[in-house]
Amino acid sequence: MHHKAYVNAARVVLMMLLIAALVLLGLAVAIAVLGDPPEVQGWLRTIFGKVFGLVAVGLAAVLGIPAAVGMYAMAGANAEDAEPALPVRARHVLVAVAIVAVVATAVILLVTGSAVTVLNLGLFGIVALASLGLAGAVNFSSHRWRAIASAGALCLVVLGTAWVLGNAFLGTPGANVA
């Protein structure tokens, strides 16, 4: 694939995350404005209970902040004279970290996933979009500090993924109960 196609693919992935974050933020605002009627039921209400508005704001931040950082880093990446700002070795290592995070997530979800397949697919999708989108931002950003910020966001996404997978799927059940 050509450089421009990779840049556009990374932008699309980051834009998808940003739109998802805005939708979640809109849901949280709607809940705050319209109230939280107890008669509404559904699987999100079952999972999160009455704190869905707060969870939606948290999810919007988890999705939106890294996506915004990546989109900011990608500004000017398709210009004729655009050269990646980070050294080749650093870019390759960070792309490899993103790929390993996606593959590890897929393997862990296949081996130990929950009984609710849609949640497994959702978690995998979020990890894949965030990791690979930020890897694209790191790899193609022509702005040094923006690329470094994207690298930091990528590392935080990978660490957060490892924490979620470790506690939700790999941890010993009941070990953290006081």
C-alpha atoms as a PDB file:
ATOM      1  CA  MET A   1       0.000   0.000   0.000  1.00  0.00           C
ATOM      2  CA  HIS A   2       1.176   3.530  -0.701  1.00  0.00           C
ATOM      3  CA  HIS A   3       2.181   5.951   2.089  1.00  0.00           C
ATOM      4  CA  LYS A   4      -0.907   8.095   1.509  1.00  0.00           C
ATOM      5  CA  ALA A   5      -3.219   5.077   1.811  1.00  0.00           C
ATOM      6  CA  TYR A   6      -1.654   4.084   5.153  1.00  0.00           C
ATOM      7  CA  VAL A   7      -2.024   7.623   6.456  1.00  0.00           C
ATOM      8  CA  ASN A   8      -5.660   7.759   5.362  1.00  0.00           C
ATOM      9  CA  ALA A   9      -6.363   4.342   6.933  1.00  0.00           C
ATOM     10  CA  ALA A  10      -4.900   5.489  10.247  1.00  0.00           C
ATOM     11  CA  ARG A  11      -6.968   8.672  10.081  1.00  0.00           C
ATOM     12  CA  VAL A  12     -10.165   6.735   9.389  1.00  0.00           C
ATOM     13  CA  VAL A  13      -9.512   4.446  12.350  1.00  0.00           C
ATOM     14  CA  LEU A  14      -8.838   7.370  14.669  1.00  0.00           C
ATOM     15  CA  MET A  15     -11.893   9.208  13.361  1.00  0.00           C
ATOM     16  CA  MET A  16     -14.051   6.147  14.109  1.00  0.00           C
ATOM     17  CA  LEU A  17     -12.819   6.215  17.714  1.00  0.00           C
ATOM     18  CA  LEU A  18     -13.438   9.943  17.957  1.00  0.00           C
ATOM     19  CA  ILE A  19     -16.992   9.566  16.655  1.00  0.00           C
ATOM     20  CA  ALA A  20     -17.665   6.723  19.102  1.00  0.00           C
ATOM     21  CA  ALA A  21     -16.404   8.933  21.924  1.00  0.00           C
ATOM     22  CA  LEU A  22     -18.681  11.777  20.856  1.00  0.00           C
ATOM     23  CA  VAL A  23     -21.675   9.417  20.709  1.00  0.00           C
ATOM     24  CA  LEU A  24     -20.937   8.174  24.230  1.00  0.00           C
ATOM     25  CA  LEU A  25     -20.559  11.732  25.450  1.00  0.00           C
ATOM     26  CA  GLY A  26     -23.889  12.564  23.809  1.00  0.00           C
ATOM     27  CA  LEU A  27     -25.508   9.640  25.630  1.00  0.00           C
ATOM     28  CA  ALA A  28     -24.118  10.896  28.930  1.00  0.00           C
ATOM     29  CA  VAL A  29     -25.414  14.405  28.268  1.00  0.00           C
ATOM     30  CA  ALA A  30     -28.818  13.030  27.251  1.00  0.00           C
ATOM     31  CA  ILE A  31     -29.004  11.033  30.472  1.00  0.00           C
ATOM     32  CA  ALA A  32     -28.060  14.111  32.506  1.00  0.00           C
ATOM     33  CA  VAL A  33     -30.568  16.369  30.719  1.00  0.00           C
ATOM     34  CA  LEU A  34     -33.464  13.933  30.333  1.00  0.00           C
ATOM     35  CA  GLY A  35     -32.975  12.195  33.636  1.00  0.00           C
ATOM     36  CA  ASP A  36     -32.401   8.536  34.307  1.00  0.00           C
ATOM     37  CA  PRO A  37     -35.813   6.861  34.120  1.00  0.00           C
ATOM     38  CA  PRO A  38     -35.781   3.552  36.012  1.00  0.00           C
ATOM     39  CA  GLU A  39     -38.199   1.847  33.615  1.00  0.00           C
ATOM     40  CA  VAL A  40     -35.645   1.749  30.775  1.00  0.00           C
ATOM     41  CA  GLN A  41     -34.038  -1.684  30.547  1.00  0.00           C
ATOM     42  CA  GLY A  42     -31.391  -3.196  28.360  1.00  0.00           C
ATOM     43  CA  TRP A  43     -28.042  -4.911  28.475  1.00  0.00           C
ATOM     44  CA  LEU A  44     -26.117  -1.668  29.070  1.00  0.00           C
ATOM     45  CA  ARG A  45     -28.364  -0.849  32.023  1.00  0.00           C
ATOM     46  CA  THR A  46     -27.912  -4.400  33.318  1.00  0.00           C
ATOM     47  CA  ILE A  47     -24.130  -4.142  33.107  1.00  0.00           C
ATOM     48  CA  PHE A  48     -23.658  -0.620  34.438  1.00  0.00           C
ATOM     49  CA  GLY A  49     -26.817   0.008  36.424  1.00  0.00           C
ATOM     50  CA  LYS A  50     -27.692   3.588  37.284  1.00  0.00           C
ATOM     51  CA  VAL A  51     -24.159   4.886  36.754  1.00  0.00           C
ATOM     52  CA  PHE A  52     -24.311   4.516  32.978  1.00  0.00           C
ATOM     53  CA  GLY A  53     -23.967   8.271  32.452  1.00  0.00           C
ATOM     54  CA  LEU A  54     -20.724   8.339  34.421  1.00  0.00           C
ATOM     55  CA  VAL A  55     -19.431   5.228  32.662  1.00  0.00           C
ATOM     56  CA  ALA A  56     -20.285   6.814  29.298  1.00  0.00           C
ATOM     57  CA  VAL A  57     -18.207   9.902  30.152  1.00  0.00           C
ATOM     58  CA  GLY A  58     -15.305   7.670  31.192  1.00  0.00           C
ATOM     59  CA  LEU A  59     -15.520   5.610  28.021  1.00  0.00           C
ATOM     60  CA  ALA A  60     -15.725   8.774  25.936  1.00  0.00           C
ATOM     61  CA  ALA A  61     -12.499   9.988  27.543  1.00  0.00           C
ATOM     62  CA  VAL A  62     -10.751   6.632  27.097  1.00  0.00           C
ATOM     63  CA  LEU A  63     -11.688   6.560  23.415  1.00  0.00           C
ATOM     64  CA  GLY A  64     -11.630  10.245  22.558  1.00  0.00           C
ATOM     65  CA  ILE A  65      -8.431  11.534  24.132  1.00  0.00           C
ATOM     66  CA  PRO A  66      -6.060   9.079  22.405  1.00  0.00           C
ATOM     67  CA  ALA A  67      -7.964   9.504  19.135  1.00  0.00           C
ATOM     68  CA  ALA A  68      -7.697  13.292  19.351  1.00  0.00           C
ATOM     69  CA  VAL A  69      -3.973  13.078  20.127  1.00  0.00           C
ATOM     70  CA  GLY A  70      -3.472  10.773  17.132  1.00  0.00           C
ATOM     71  CA  MET A  71      -5.514  12.966  14.802  1.00  0.00           C
ATOM     72  CA  TYR A  72      -3.545  16.024  15.912  1.00  0.00           C
ATOM     73  CA  ALA A  73      -0.283  14.187  15.236  1.00  0.00           C
ATOM     74  CA  MET A  74      -1.418  13.186  11.743  1.00  0.00           C
ATOM     75  CA  ALA A  75      -1.869  16.795  10.597  1.00  0.00           C
ATOM     76  CA  GLY A  76       0.246  17.328   7.514  1.00  0.00           C
ATOM     77  CA  ALA A  77       1.248  13.683   7.145  1.00  0.00           C
ATOM     78  CA  ASN A  78       0.073  13.579   3.513  1.00  0.00           C
ATOM     79  CA  ALA A  79       1.987  16.685   2.440  1.00  0.00           C
ATOM     80  CA  GLU A  80       4.409  16.261  -0.456  1.00  0.00           C
ATOM     81  CA  ASP A  81       7.473  16.946   1.681  1.00  0.00           C
ATOM     82  CA  ALA A  82       6.246  15.139   4.834  1.00  0.00           C
ATOM     83  CA  GLU A  83       8.893  12.991   6.491  1.00  0.00           C
ATOM     84  CA  PRO A  84       8.220  10.925   9.624  1.00  0.00           C
ATOM     85  CA  ALA A  85       9.572  12.751  12.661  1.00  0.00           C
ATOM     86  CA  LEU A  86      10.679   9.783  14.750  1.00  0.00           C
ATOM     87  CA  PRO A  87      13.637   7.525  13.968  1.00  0.00           C
ATOM     88  CA  VAL A  88      12.912   4.353  11.995  1.00  0.00           C
ATOM     89  CA  ARG A  89      13.790   2.024  14.895  1.00  0.00           C
ATOM     90  CA  ALA A  90      11.450   3.810  17.320  1.00  0.00           C
ATOM     91  CA  ARG A  91       8.620   3.749  14.789  1.00  0.00           C
ATOM     92  CA  HIS A  92       9.101   0.039  14.090  1.00  0.00           C
ATOM     93  CA  VAL A  93       9.216  -0.814  17.801  1.00  0.00           C
ATOM     94  CA  LEU A  94       6.028   1.118  18.531  1.00  0.00           C
ATOM     95  CA  VAL A  95       4.187  -0.411  15.574  1.00  0.00           C
ATOM     96  CA  ALA A  96       5.308  -3.859  16.793  1.00  0.00           C
ATOM     97  CA  VAL A  97       4.028  -3.044  20.295  1.00  0.00           C
ATOM     98  CA  ALA A  98       0.633  -2.142  18.823  1.00  0.00           C
ATOM     99  CA  ILE A  99       0.468  -5.322  16.751  1.00  0.00           C
ATOM    100  CA  VAL A 100       1.471  -7.477  19.728  1.00  0.00           C
ATOM    101  CA  ALA A 101      -1.242  -5.814  21.839  1.00  0.00           C
ATOM    102  CA  VAL A 102      -3.889  -6.573  19.211  1.00  0.00           C
ATOM    103  CA  VAL A 103      -2.757 -10.178  18.727  1.00  0.00           C
ATOM    104  CA  ALA A 104      -2.478 -10.785  22.485  1.00  0.00           C
ATOM    105  CA  THR A 105      -5.979  -9.380  22.979  1.00  0.00           C
ATOM    106  CA  ALA A 106      -7.370 -11.675  20.285  1.00  0.00           C
ATOM    107  CA  VAL A 107      -5.662 -14.745  21.745  1.00  0.00           C
ATOM    108  CA  ILE A 108      -6.704 -13.980  25.329  1.00  0.00           C
ATOM    109  CA  LEU A 109     -10.305 -13.298  24.294  1.00  0.00           C
ATOM    110  CA  LEU A 110     -10.450 -16.505  22.268  1.00  0.00           C
ATOM    111  CA  VAL A 111      -9.000 -18.624  25.062  1.00  0.00           C
ATOM    112  CA  THR A 112     -10.629 -17.064  28.122  1.00  0.00           C
ATOM    113  CA  GLY A 113     -13.300 -14.698  26.784  1.00  0.00           C
ATOM    114  CA  SER A 114     -16.586 -14.016  28.489  1.00  0.00           C
ATOM    115  CA  ALA A 115     -19.828 -15.712  27.541  1.00  0.00           C
ATOM    116  CA  VAL A 116     -21.093 -12.499  25.943  1.00  0.00           C
ATOM    117  CA  THR A 117     -19.521 -12.495  22.469  1.00  0.00           C
ATOM    118  CA  VAL A 118     -20.551  -8.929  21.653  1.00  0.00           C
ATOM    119  CA  LEU A 119     -18.504  -7.651  24.608  1.00  0.00           C
ATOM    120  CA  ASN A 120     -15.466  -9.635  23.433  1.00  0.00           C
ATOM    121  CA  LEU A 121     -15.828  -8.210  19.936  1.00  0.00           C
ATOM    122  CA  GLY A 122     -16.287  -4.708  21.316  1.00  0.00           C
ATOM    123  CA  LEU A 123     -13.178  -4.935  23.469  1.00  0.00           C
ATOM    124  CA  PHE A 124     -11.161  -6.355  20.596  1.00  0.00           C
ATOM    125  CA  GLY A 125     -12.413  -3.617  18.271  1.00  0.00           C
ATOM    126  CA  ILE A 126     -11.518  -0.846  20.704  1.00  0.00           C
ATOM    127  CA  VAL A 127      -8.044  -2.269  21.292  1.00  0.00           C
ATOM    128  CA  ALA A 128      -7.419  -2.792  17.569  1.00  0.00           C
ATOM    129  CA  LEU A 129      -8.672   0.645  16.541  1.00  0.00           C
ATOM    130  CA  ALA A 130      -6.836   2.524  19.276  1.00  0.00           C
ATOM    131  CA  SER A 131      -3.562   0.607  19.024  1.00  0.00           C
ATOM    132  CA  LEU A 132      -3.291   0.496  15.254  1.00  0.00           C
ATOM    133  CA  GLY A 133      -4.579   4.041  14.766  1.00  0.00           C
ATOM    134  CA  LEU A 134      -2.056   5.444  17.222  1.00  0.00           C
ATOM    135  CA  ALA A 135       0.676   3.292  15.674  1.00  0.00           C
ATOM    136  CA  GLY A 136      -0.147   4.923  12.348  1.00  0.00           C
ATOM    137  CA  ALA A 137       0.028   8.362  13.958  1.00  0.00           C
ATOM    138  CA  VAL A 138       3.416   7.544  15.481  1.00  0.00           C
ATOM    139  CA  ASN A 139       4.688   6.085  12.221  1.00  0.00           C
ATOM    140  CA  PHE A 140       3.603   8.887   9.892  1.00  0.00           C
ATOM    141  CA  SER A 141       3.529  12.090  11.961  1.00  0.00           C
ATOM    142  CA  SER A 142       5.839  14.743  10.602  1.00  0.00           C
ATOM    143  CA  HIS A 143       5.781  16.681  13.881  1.00  0.00           C
ATOM    144  CA  ARG A 144       8.252  15.418  16.472  1.00  0.00           C
ATOM    145  CA  TRP A 145       6.395  16.355  19.679  1.00  0.00           C
ATOM    146  CA  ARG A 146       3.053  15.286  18.284  1.00  0.00           C
ATOM    147  CA  ALA A 147       4.560  11.911  17.356  1.00  0.00           C
ATOM    148  CA  ILE A 148       6.002  11.610  20.861  1.00  0.00           C
ATOM    149  CA  ALA A 149       2.585  12.441  22.352  1.00  0.00           C
ATOM    150  CA  SER A 150       1.031   9.751  20.137  1.00  0.00           C
ATOM    151  CA  ALA A 151       3.695   7.295  21.266  1.00  0.00           C
ATOM    152  CA  GLY A 152       2.828   8.094  24.875  1.00  0.00           C
ATOM    153  CA  ALA A 153      -0.876   7.634  24.159  1.00  0.00           C
ATOM    154  CA  LEU A 154      -0.115   4.315  22.445  1.00  0.00           C
ATOM    155  CA  CYS A 155       1.859   3.133  25.465  1.00  0.00           C
ATOM    156  CA  LEU A 156      -0.992   4.136  27.790  1.00  0.00           C
ATOM    157  CA  VAL A 157      -3.528   2.304  25.599  1.00  0.00           C
ATOM    158  CA  VAL A 158      -1.359  -0.835  25.601  1.00  0.00           C
ATOM    159  CA  LEU A 159      -0.820  -0.651  29.376  1.00  0.00           C
ATOM    160  CA  GLY A 160      -4.549  -0.107  29.927  1.00  0.00           C
ATOM    161  CA  THR A 161      -5.314  -3.050  27.689  1.00  0.00           C
ATOM    162  CA  ALA A 162      -2.885  -5.237  29.610  1.00  0.00           C
ATOM    163  CA  TRP A 163      -4.468  -4.142  32.884  1.00  0.00           C
ATOM    164  CA  VAL A 164      -8.010  -4.889  31.679  1.00  0.00           C
ATOM    165  CA  LEU A 165      -7.043  -8.248  30.199  1.00  0.00           C
ATOM    166  CA  GLY A 166      -5.038  -9.186  33.284  1.00  0.00           C
ATOM    167  CA  ASN A 167      -7.774  -8.288  35.741  1.00  0.00           C
ATOM    168  CA  ALA A 168     -10.829  -9.343  33.756  1.00  0.00           C
ATOM    169  CA  PHE A 169      -9.598 -12.447  31.954  1.00  0.00           C
ATOM    170  CA  LEU A 170      -6.311 -13.673  33.400  1.00  0.00           C
ATOM    171  CA  GLY A 171      -6.548 -12.765  37.086  1.00  0.00           C
ATOM    172  CA  THR A 172      -7.477 -15.239  39.783  1.00  0.00           C
ATOM    173  CA  PRO A 173     -11.195 -14.963  40.556  1.00  0.00           C
ATOM    174  CA  GLY A 174     -11.765 -13.570  44.024  1.00  0.00           C
ATOM    175  CA  ALA A 175      -8.084 -12.739  44.595  1.00  0.00           C
ATOM    176  CA  ASN A 176      -8.752  -8.995  44.820  1.00  0.00           C
ATOM    177  CA  VAL A 177     -11.720  -9.318  47.153  1.00  0.00           C
ATOM    178  CA  ALA A 178     -10.955  -7.914  50.598  1.00  0.00           C
END
